[in-house]
Amino acid sequence: MLSEGDFRDLPDDTPLILSKDAEGNGYSPVSGATLAMYVAETTWSGETYPPDSVIDASDVYGDEDRAPEGAVLVIEFSPVN
């Protein structure tokens, strides 16, 4: 597992690549990242929700969009493909 120190000396334009699965059956560059609340449904997948700060500042989201209890704050990466 990598730590923060492993990234410190990398160039700012170093690409971040996502693996399709644990076996390495495909890869995609990251197109973006956002903060989200995550609830695991199984050991390998789950659902994300907007953070409360986004909901509170939004005219689009409401209380029904809040993450259930037990959700954790994560960085959600979106792949290009």
PDB file of N, CA and C in Angstrom:
ATOM      1  N   MET A   1       0.843  -1.174   0.000  1.00  0.00           N
ATOM      2  CA  MET A   1       0.000   0.000   0.000  1.00  0.00           C
ATOM      3  C   MET A   1       0.891   1.241   0.000  1.00  0.00           C
ATOM      4  N   LEU A   2       0.532   2.209  -0.806  1.00  0.00           N
ATOM      5  CA  LEU A   2       1.293   3.454  -0.888  1.00  0.00           C
ATOM      6  C   LEU A   2       0.890   4.402   0.237  1.00  0.00           C
ATOM      7  N   SER A   3       1.795   5.276   0.586  1.00  0.00           N
ATOM      8  CA  SER A   3       1.500   6.301   1.580  1.00  0.00           C
ATOM      9  C   SER A   3       1.693   7.679   0.951  1.00  0.00           C
ATOM     10  N   GLU A   4       1.329   8.709   1.685  1.00  0.00           N
ATOM     11  CA  GLU A   4       1.454  10.084   1.172  1.00  0.00           C
ATOM     12  C   GLU A   4       2.874  10.385   0.721  1.00  0.00           C
ATOM     13  N   GLY A   5       3.857   9.868   1.435  1.00  0.00           N
ATOM     14  CA  GLY A   5       5.250  10.113   1.086  1.00  0.00           C
ATOM     15  C   GLY A   5       5.629   9.575  -0.282  1.00  0.00           C
ATOM     16  N   ASP A   6       4.960   8.512  -0.718  1.00  0.00           N
ATOM     17  CA  ASP A   6       5.250   7.934  -2.029  1.00  0.00           C
ATOM     18  C   ASP A   6       4.855   8.868  -3.168  1.00  0.00           C
ATOM     19  N   PHE A   7       3.933   9.779  -2.917  1.00  0.00           N
ATOM     20  CA  PHE A   7       3.442  10.694  -3.950  1.00  0.00           C
ATOM     21  C   PHE A   7       4.143  12.055  -3.922  1.00  0.00           C
ATOM     22  N   ARG A   8       4.767  12.371  -2.828  1.00  0.00           N
ATOM     23  CA  ARG A   8       5.295  13.719  -2.591  1.00  0.00           C
ATOM     24  C   ARG A   8       6.243  14.201  -3.683  1.00  0.00           C
ATOM     25  N   ASP A   9       7.097  13.337  -4.210  1.00  0.00           N
ATOM     26  CA  ASP A   9       8.115  13.756  -5.168  1.00  0.00           C
ATOM     27  C   ASP A   9       7.719  13.535  -6.621  1.00  0.00           C
ATOM     28  N   LEU A  10       6.495  13.074  -6.872  1.00  0.00           N
ATOM     29  CA  LEU A  10       6.047  12.874  -8.251  1.00  0.00           C
ATOM     30  C   LEU A  10       5.734  14.212  -8.915  1.00  0.00           C
ATOM     31  N   PRO A  11       5.933  14.327 -10.220  1.00  0.00           N
ATOM     32  CA  PRO A  11       5.547  15.551 -10.922  1.00  0.00           C
ATOM     33  C   PRO A  11       4.032  15.792 -10.791  1.00  0.00           C
ATOM     34  N   ASP A  12       3.625  17.037 -10.776  1.00  0.00           N
ATOM     35  CA  ASP A  12       2.201  17.389 -10.637  1.00  0.00           C
ATOM     36  C   ASP A  12       1.340  16.830 -11.762  1.00  0.00           C
ATOM     37  N   ASP A  13       1.940  16.579 -12.923  1.00  0.00           N
ATOM     38  CA  ASP A  13       1.154  16.092 -14.059  1.00  0.00           C
ATOM     39  C   ASP A  13       1.202  14.563 -14.209  1.00  0.00           C
ATOM     40  N   THR A  14       1.607  13.853 -13.151  1.00  0.00           N
ATOM     41  CA  THR A  14       1.627  12.390 -13.191  1.00  0.00           C
ATOM     42  C   THR A  14       0.196  11.875 -13.316  1.00  0.00           C
ATOM     43  N   PRO A  15      -0.103  11.080 -14.354  1.00  0.00           N
ATOM     44  CA  PRO A  15      -1.474  10.583 -14.531  1.00  0.00           C
ATOM     45  C   PRO A  15      -1.889   9.627 -13.408  1.00  0.00           C
ATOM     46  N   LEU A  16      -3.153   9.661 -13.071  1.00  0.00           N
ATOM     47  CA  LEU A  16      -3.752   8.719 -12.135  1.00  0.00           C
ATOM     48  C   LEU A  16      -4.590   7.753 -12.967  1.00  0.00           C
ATOM     49  N   ILE A  17      -4.318   6.469 -12.841  1.00  0.00           N
ATOM     50  CA  ILE A  17      -4.968   5.448 -13.649  1.00  0.00           C
ATOM     51  C   ILE A  17      -5.757   4.517 -12.733  1.00  0.00           C
ATOM     52  N   LEU A  18      -6.986   4.195 -13.112  1.00  0.00           N
ATOM     53  CA  LEU A  18      -7.824   3.267 -12.358  1.00  0.00           C
ATOM     54  C   LEU A  18      -7.792   1.896 -13.010  1.00  0.00           C
ATOM     55  N   SER A  19      -7.734   0.869 -12.176  1.00  0.00           N
ATOM     56  CA  SER A  19      -7.831  -0.495 -12.665  1.00  0.00           C
ATOM     57  C   SER A  19      -9.300  -0.895 -12.734  1.00  0.00           C
ATOM     58  N   LYS A  20      -9.677  -1.594 -13.789  1.00  0.00           N
ATOM     59  CA  LYS A  20     -11.061  -2.053 -13.963  1.00  0.00           C
ATOM     60  C   LYS A  20     -11.460  -3.027 -12.866  1.00  0.00           C
ATOM     61  N   ASP A  21     -10.508  -3.894 -12.460  1.00  0.00           N
ATOM     62  CA  ASP A  21     -10.791  -4.878 -11.424  1.00  0.00           C
ATOM     63  C   ASP A  21      -9.480  -5.295 -10.763  1.00  0.00           C
ATOM     64  N   ALA A  22      -9.581  -6.127  -9.748  1.00  0.00           N
ATOM     65  CA  ALA A  22      -8.402  -6.537  -8.986  1.00  0.00           C
ATOM     66  C   ALA A  22      -7.417  -7.365  -9.811  1.00  0.00           C
ATOM     67  N   GLU A  23      -7.892  -7.983 -10.872  1.00  0.00           N
ATOM     68  CA  GLU A  23      -7.022  -8.800 -11.713  1.00  0.00           C
ATOM     69  C   GLU A  23      -6.292  -7.984 -12.775  1.00  0.00           C
ATOM     70  N   GLY A  24      -6.596  -6.708 -12.901  1.00  0.00           N
ATOM     71  CA  GLY A  24      -5.933  -5.871 -13.898  1.00  0.00           C
ATOM     72  C   GLY A  24      -6.401  -6.134 -15.313  1.00  0.00           C
ATOM     73  N   ASN A  25      -7.701  -6.338 -15.498  1.00  0.00           N
ATOM     74  CA  ASN A  25      -8.254  -6.633 -16.822  1.00  0.00           C
ATOM     75  C   ASN A  25      -8.599  -5.397 -17.635  1.00  0.00           C
ATOM     76  N   GLY A  26      -8.088  -4.283 -17.286  1.00  0.00           N
ATOM     77  CA  GLY A  26      -8.313  -3.051 -18.032  1.00  0.00           C
ATOM     78  C   GLY A  26      -8.020  -1.848 -17.161  1.00  0.00           C
ATOM     79  N   TYR A  27      -7.698  -0.745 -17.805  1.00  0.00           N
ATOM     80  CA  TYR A  27      -7.316   0.472 -17.085  1.00  0.00           C
ATOM     81  C   TYR A  27      -7.930   1.686 -17.765  1.00  0.00           C
ATOM     82  N   SER A  28      -8.156   2.733 -16.993  1.00  0.00           N
ATOM     83  CA  SER A  28      -8.678   3.979 -17.531  1.00  0.00           C
ATOM     84  C   SER A  28      -8.094   5.153 -16.761  1.00  0.00           C
ATOM     85  N   PRO A  29      -7.729   6.221 -17.459  1.00  0.00           N
ATOM     86  CA  PRO A  29      -7.295   7.429 -16.752  1.00  0.00           C
ATOM     87  C   PRO A  29      -8.456   8.032 -15.960  1.00  0.00           C
ATOM     88  N   VAL A  30      -8.116   8.734 -14.916  1.00  0.00           N
ATOM     89  CA  VAL A  30      -9.122   9.445 -14.118  1.00  0.00           C
ATOM     90  C   VAL A  30      -9.512  10.719 -14.853  1.00  0.00           C
ATOM     91  N   SER A  31     -10.822  10.971 -14.956  1.00  0.00           N
ATOM     92  CA  SER A  31     -11.276  12.208 -15.590  1.00  0.00           C
ATOM     93  C   SER A  31     -11.590  13.282 -14.554  1.00  0.00           C
ATOM     94  N   GLY A  32     -11.789  12.886 -13.310  1.00  0.00           N
ATOM     95  CA  GLY A  32     -12.078  13.856 -12.270  1.00  0.00           C
ATOM     96  C   GLY A  32     -12.229  13.188 -10.916  1.00  0.00           C
ATOM     97  N   ALA A  33     -12.320  14.014  -9.891  1.00  0.00           N
ATOM     98  CA  ALA A  33     -12.491  13.516  -8.528  1.00  0.00           C
ATOM     99  C   ALA A  33     -13.376  14.484  -7.762  1.00  0.00           C
ATOM    100  N   THR A  34     -14.131  13.939  -6.835  1.00  0.00           N
ATOM    101  CA  THR A  34     -15.010  14.755  -6.007  1.00  0.00           C
ATOM    102  C   THR A  34     -15.129  14.127  -4.626  1.00  0.00           C
ATOM    103  N   LEU A  35     -15.500  14.912  -3.645  1.00  0.00           N
ATOM    104  CA  LEU A  35     -15.775  14.358  -2.324  1.00  0.00           C
ATOM    105  C   LEU A  35     -17.174  13.774  -2.328  1.00  0.00           C
ATOM    106  N   ALA A  36     -17.337  12.654  -1.664  1.00  0.00           N
ATOM    107  CA  ALA A  36     -18.641  11.991  -1.588  1.00  0.00           C
ATOM    108  C   ALA A  36     -18.742  11.243  -0.270  1.00  0.00           C
ATOM    109  N   MET A  37     -19.954  10.869   0.082  1.00  0.00           N
ATOM    110  CA  MET A  37     -20.202   9.989   1.220  1.00  0.00           C
ATOM    111  C   MET A  37     -20.429   8.597   0.647  1.00  0.00           C
ATOM    112  N   TYR A  38     -19.816   7.584   1.262  1.00  0.00           N
ATOM    113  CA  TYR A  38     -19.862   6.222   0.734  1.00  0.00           C
ATOM    114  C   TYR A  38     -20.429   5.263   1.761  1.00  0.00           C
ATOM    115  N   VAL A  39     -21.329   4.401   1.280  1.00  0.00           N
ATOM    116  CA  VAL A  39     -21.882   3.323   2.095  1.00  0.00           C
ATOM    117  C   VAL A  39     -21.619   2.018   1.349  1.00  0.00           C
ATOM    118  N   ALA A  40     -20.839   1.122   1.963  1.00  0.00           N
ATOM    119  CA  ALA A  40     -20.563  -0.174   1.352  1.00  0.00           C
ATOM    120  C   ALA A  40     -21.803  -1.059   1.448  1.00  0.00           C
ATOM    121  N   GLU A  41     -22.182  -1.649   0.324  1.00  0.00           N
ATOM    122  CA  GLU A  41     -23.291  -2.602   0.304  1.00  0.00           C
ATOM    123  C   GLU A  41     -22.774  -4.032   0.364  1.00  0.00           C
ATOM    124  N   THR A  42     -21.560  -4.232  -0.153  1.00  0.00           N
ATOM    125  CA  THR A  42     -20.859  -5.513  -0.075  1.00  0.00           C
ATOM    126  C   THR A  42     -19.389  -5.181   0.161  1.00  0.00           C
ATOM    127  N   THR A  43     -18.548  -6.189   0.180  1.00  0.00           N
ATOM    128  CA  THR A  43     -17.115  -5.937   0.335  1.00  0.00           C
ATOM    129  C   THR A  43     -16.492  -5.361  -0.926  1.00  0.00           C
ATOM    130  N   TRP A  44     -17.219  -5.354  -2.046  1.00  0.00           N
ATOM    131  CA  TRP A  44     -16.657  -4.867  -3.309  1.00  0.00           C
ATOM    132  C   TRP A  44     -17.465  -3.786  -3.999  1.00  0.00           C
ATOM    133  N   SER A  45     -18.583  -3.347  -3.420  1.00  0.00           N
ATOM    134  CA  SER A  45     -19.322  -2.243  -4.047  1.00  0.00           C
ATOM    135  C   SER A  45     -20.215  -1.549  -3.033  1.00  0.00           C
ATOM    136  N   GLY A  46     -20.683  -0.372  -3.425  1.00  0.00           N
ATOM    137  CA  GLY A  46     -21.549   0.414  -2.555  1.00  0.00           C
ATOM    138  C   GLY A  46     -22.159   1.578  -3.307  1.00  0.00           C
ATOM    139  N   GLU A  47     -22.692   2.517  -2.549  1.00  0.00           N
ATOM    140  CA  GLU A  47     -23.357   3.699  -3.105  1.00  0.00           C
ATOM    141  C   GLU A  47     -22.696   4.964  -2.574  1.00  0.00           C
ATOM    142  N   THR A  48     -22.717   6.021  -3.399  1.00  0.00           N
ATOM    143  CA  THR A  48     -22.207   7.320  -2.954  1.00  0.00           C
ATOM    144  C   THR A  48     -23.343   8.330  -2.908  1.00  0.00           C
ATOM    145  N   TYR A  49     -23.147   9.319  -2.062  1.00  0.00           N
ATOM    146  CA  TYR A  49     -24.115  10.391  -1.837  1.00  0.00           C
ATOM    147  C   TYR A  49     -23.351  11.704  -1.746  1.00  0.00           C
ATOM    148  N   PRO A  50     -24.028  12.830  -2.004  1.00  0.00           N
ATOM    149  CA  PRO A  50     -23.351  14.115  -1.828  1.00  0.00           C
ATOM    150  C   PRO A  50     -23.047  14.354  -0.350  1.00  0.00           C
ATOM    151  N   PRO A  51     -21.925  15.005  -0.052  1.00  0.00           N
ATOM    152  CA  PRO A  51     -21.648  15.377   1.334  1.00  0.00           C
ATOM    153  C   PRO A  51     -22.699  16.379   1.841  1.00  0.00           C
ATOM    154  N   ASP A  52     -22.916  16.409   3.140  1.00  0.00           N
ATOM    155  CA  ASP A  52     -23.892  17.331   3.723  1.00  0.00           C
ATOM    156  C   ASP A  52     -23.605  18.780   3.349  1.00  0.00           C
ATOM    157  N   SER A  53     -22.325  19.142   3.260  1.00  0.00           N
ATOM    158  CA  SER A  53     -21.985  20.528   2.919  1.00  0.00           C
ATOM    159  C   SER A  53     -22.489  20.895   1.526  1.00  0.00           C
ATOM    160  N   VAL A  54     -22.465  19.959   0.596  1.00  0.00           N
ATOM    161  CA  VAL A  54     -22.970  20.193  -0.760  1.00  0.00           C
ATOM    162  C   VAL A  54     -24.491  20.296  -0.732  1.00  0.00           C
ATOM    163  N   ILE A  55     -25.137  19.426   0.002  1.00  0.00           N
ATOM    164  CA  ILE A  55     -26.601  19.459   0.109  1.00  0.00           C
ATOM    165  C   ILE A  55     -27.061  20.762   0.742  1.00  0.00           C
ATOM    166  N   ASP A  56     -26.383  21.188   1.812  1.00  0.00           N
ATOM    167  CA  ASP A  56     -26.769  22.413   2.521  1.00  0.00           C
ATOM    168  C   ASP A  56     -26.638  23.666   1.654  1.00  0.00           C
ATOM    169  N   ALA A  57     -25.685  23.651   0.713  1.00  0.00           N
ATOM    170  CA  ALA A  57     -25.442  24.825  -0.137  1.00  0.00           C
ATOM    171  C   ALA A  57     -26.186  24.744  -1.470  1.00  0.00           C
ATOM    172  N   SER A  58     -26.997  23.721  -1.661  1.00  0.00           N
ATOM    173  CA  SER A  58     -27.610  23.467  -2.962  1.00  0.00           C
ATOM    174  C   SER A  58     -29.102  23.770  -2.972  1.00  0.00           C
ATOM    175  N   ASP A  59     -29.568  24.216  -4.143  1.00  0.00           N
ATOM    176  CA  ASP A  59     -31.007  24.354  -4.379  1.00  0.00           C
ATOM    177  C   ASP A  59     -31.560  23.100  -5.059  1.00  0.00           C
ATOM    178  N   VAL A  60     -30.674  22.189  -5.451  1.00  0.00           N
ATOM    179  CA  VAL A  60     -31.070  20.982  -6.180  1.00  0.00           C
ATOM    180  C   VAL A  60     -31.288  19.804  -5.231  1.00  0.00           C
ATOM    181  N   TYR A  61     -30.379  19.636  -4.277  1.00  0.00           N
ATOM    182  CA  TYR A  61     -30.461  18.519  -3.341  1.00  0.00           C
ATOM    183  C   TYR A  61     -31.335  18.869  -2.144  1.00  0.00           C
ATOM    184  N   GLY A  62     -31.945  17.846  -1.565  1.00  0.00           N
ATOM    185  CA  GLY A  62     -32.747  18.017  -0.359  1.00  0.00           C
ATOM    186  C   GLY A  62     -32.369  16.983   0.675  1.00  0.00           C
ATOM    187  N   ASP A  63     -33.076  16.990   1.795  1.00  0.00           N
ATOM    188  CA  ASP A  63     -32.781  16.052   2.879  1.00  0.00           C
ATOM    189  C   ASP A  63     -32.878  14.596   2.442  1.00  0.00           C
ATOM    190  N   GLU A  64     -33.709  14.309   1.465  1.00  0.00           N
ATOM    191  CA  GLU A  64     -33.850  12.927   0.989  1.00  0.00           C
ATOM    192  C   GLU A  64     -32.592  12.428   0.274  1.00  0.00           C
ATOM    193  N   ASP A  65     -31.678  13.357  -0.073  1.00  0.00           N
ATOM    194  CA  ASP A  65     -30.439  12.985  -0.754  1.00  0.00           C
ATOM    195  C   ASP A  65     -29.282  12.737   0.206  1.00  0.00           C
ATOM    196  N   ARG A  66     -29.502  12.922   1.499  1.00  0.00           N
ATOM    197  CA  ARG A  66     -28.432  12.744   2.478  1.00  0.00           C
ATOM    198  C   ARG A  66     -28.053  11.271   2.615  1.00  0.00           C
ATOM    199  N   ALA A  67     -26.792  11.051   2.901  1.00  0.00           N
ATOM    200  CA  ALA A  67     -26.285   9.690   3.087  1.00  0.00           C
ATOM    201  C   ALA A  67     -26.865   9.092   4.361  1.00  0.00           C
ATOM    202  N   PRO A  68     -27.081   7.788   4.349  1.00  0.00           N
ATOM    203  CA  PRO A  68     -27.549   7.134   5.564  1.00  0.00           C
ATOM    204  C   PRO A  68     -26.482   7.153   6.658  1.00  0.00           C
ATOM    205  N   GLU A  69     -26.904   6.904   7.869  1.00  0.00           N
ATOM    206  CA  GLU A  69     -25.978   6.838   8.995  1.00  0.00           C
ATOM    207  C   GLU A  69     -24.933   5.758   8.726  1.00  0.00           C
ATOM    208  N   GLY A  70     -23.706   6.035   9.097  1.00  0.00           N
ATOM    209  CA  GLY A  70     -22.618   5.092   8.874  1.00  0.00           C
ATOM    210  C   GLY A  70     -21.817   5.363   7.620  1.00  0.00           C
ATOM    211  N   ALA A  71     -22.269   6.296   6.788  1.00  0.00           N
ATOM    212  CA  ALA A  71     -21.520   6.649   5.581  1.00  0.00           C
ATOM    213  C   ALA A  71     -20.210   7.330   5.968  1.00  0.00           C
ATOM    214  N   VAL A  72     -19.198   7.138   5.139  1.00  0.00           N
ATOM    215  CA  VAL A  72     -17.891   7.738   5.396  1.00  0.00           C
ATOM    216  C   VAL A  72     -17.516   8.667   4.238  1.00  0.00           C
ATOM    217  N   LEU A  73     -16.777   9.713   4.568  1.00  0.00           N
ATOM    218  CA  LEU A  73     -16.309  10.661   3.558  1.00  0.00           C
ATOM    219  C   LEU A  73     -15.180  10.025   2.754  1.00  0.00           C
ATOM    220  N   VAL A  74     -15.277  10.106   1.425  1.00  0.00           N
ATOM    221  CA  VAL A  74     -14.277   9.508   0.537  1.00  0.00           C
ATOM    222  C   VAL A  74     -13.963  10.464  -0.609  1.00  0.00           C
ATOM    223  N   ILE A  75     -12.905  10.177  -1.324  1.00  0.00           N
ATOM    224  CA  ILE A  75     -12.615  10.831  -2.598  1.00  0.00           C
ATOM    225  C   ILE A  75     -13.091   9.877  -3.677  1.00  0.00           C
ATOM    226  N   GLU A  76     -14.026  10.314  -4.482  1.00  0.00           N
ATOM    227  CA  GLU A  76     -14.594   9.490  -5.550  1.00  0.00           C
ATOM    228  C   GLU A  76     -13.937   9.863  -6.865  1.00  0.00           C
ATOM    229  N   PHE A  77     -13.235   8.911  -7.485  1.00  0.00           N
ATOM    230  CA  PHE A  77     -12.578   9.120  -8.771  1.00  0.00           C
ATOM    231  C   PHE A  77     -13.479   8.639  -9.889  1.00  0.00           C
ATOM    232  N   SER A  78     -13.594   9.425 -10.958  1.00  0.00           N
ATOM    233  CA  SER A  78     -14.390   9.059 -12.122  1.00  0.00           C
ATOM    234  C   SER A  78     -13.465   8.710 -13.272  1.00  0.00           C
ATOM    235  N   PRO A  79     -13.662   7.544 -13.916  1.00  0.00           N
ATOM    236  CA  PRO A  79     -12.795   7.168 -15.026  1.00  0.00           C
ATOM    237  C   PRO A  79     -13.214   7.852 -16.329  1.00  0.00           C
ATOM    238  N   VAL A  80     -12.278   7.948 -17.256  1.00  0.00           N
ATOM    239  CA  VAL A  80     -12.578   8.467 -18.592  1.00  0.00           C
ATOM    240  C   VAL A  80     -13.490   7.483 -19.325  1.00  0.00           C
ATOM    241  N   ASN A  81     -13.193   6.188 -19.199  1.00  0.00           N
ATOM    242  CA  ASN A  81     -13.960   5.145 -19.914  1.00  0.00           C
ATOM    243  C   ASN A  81     -14.784   4.330 -18.943  1.00  0.00           C
TER     244      ASN A  81
END
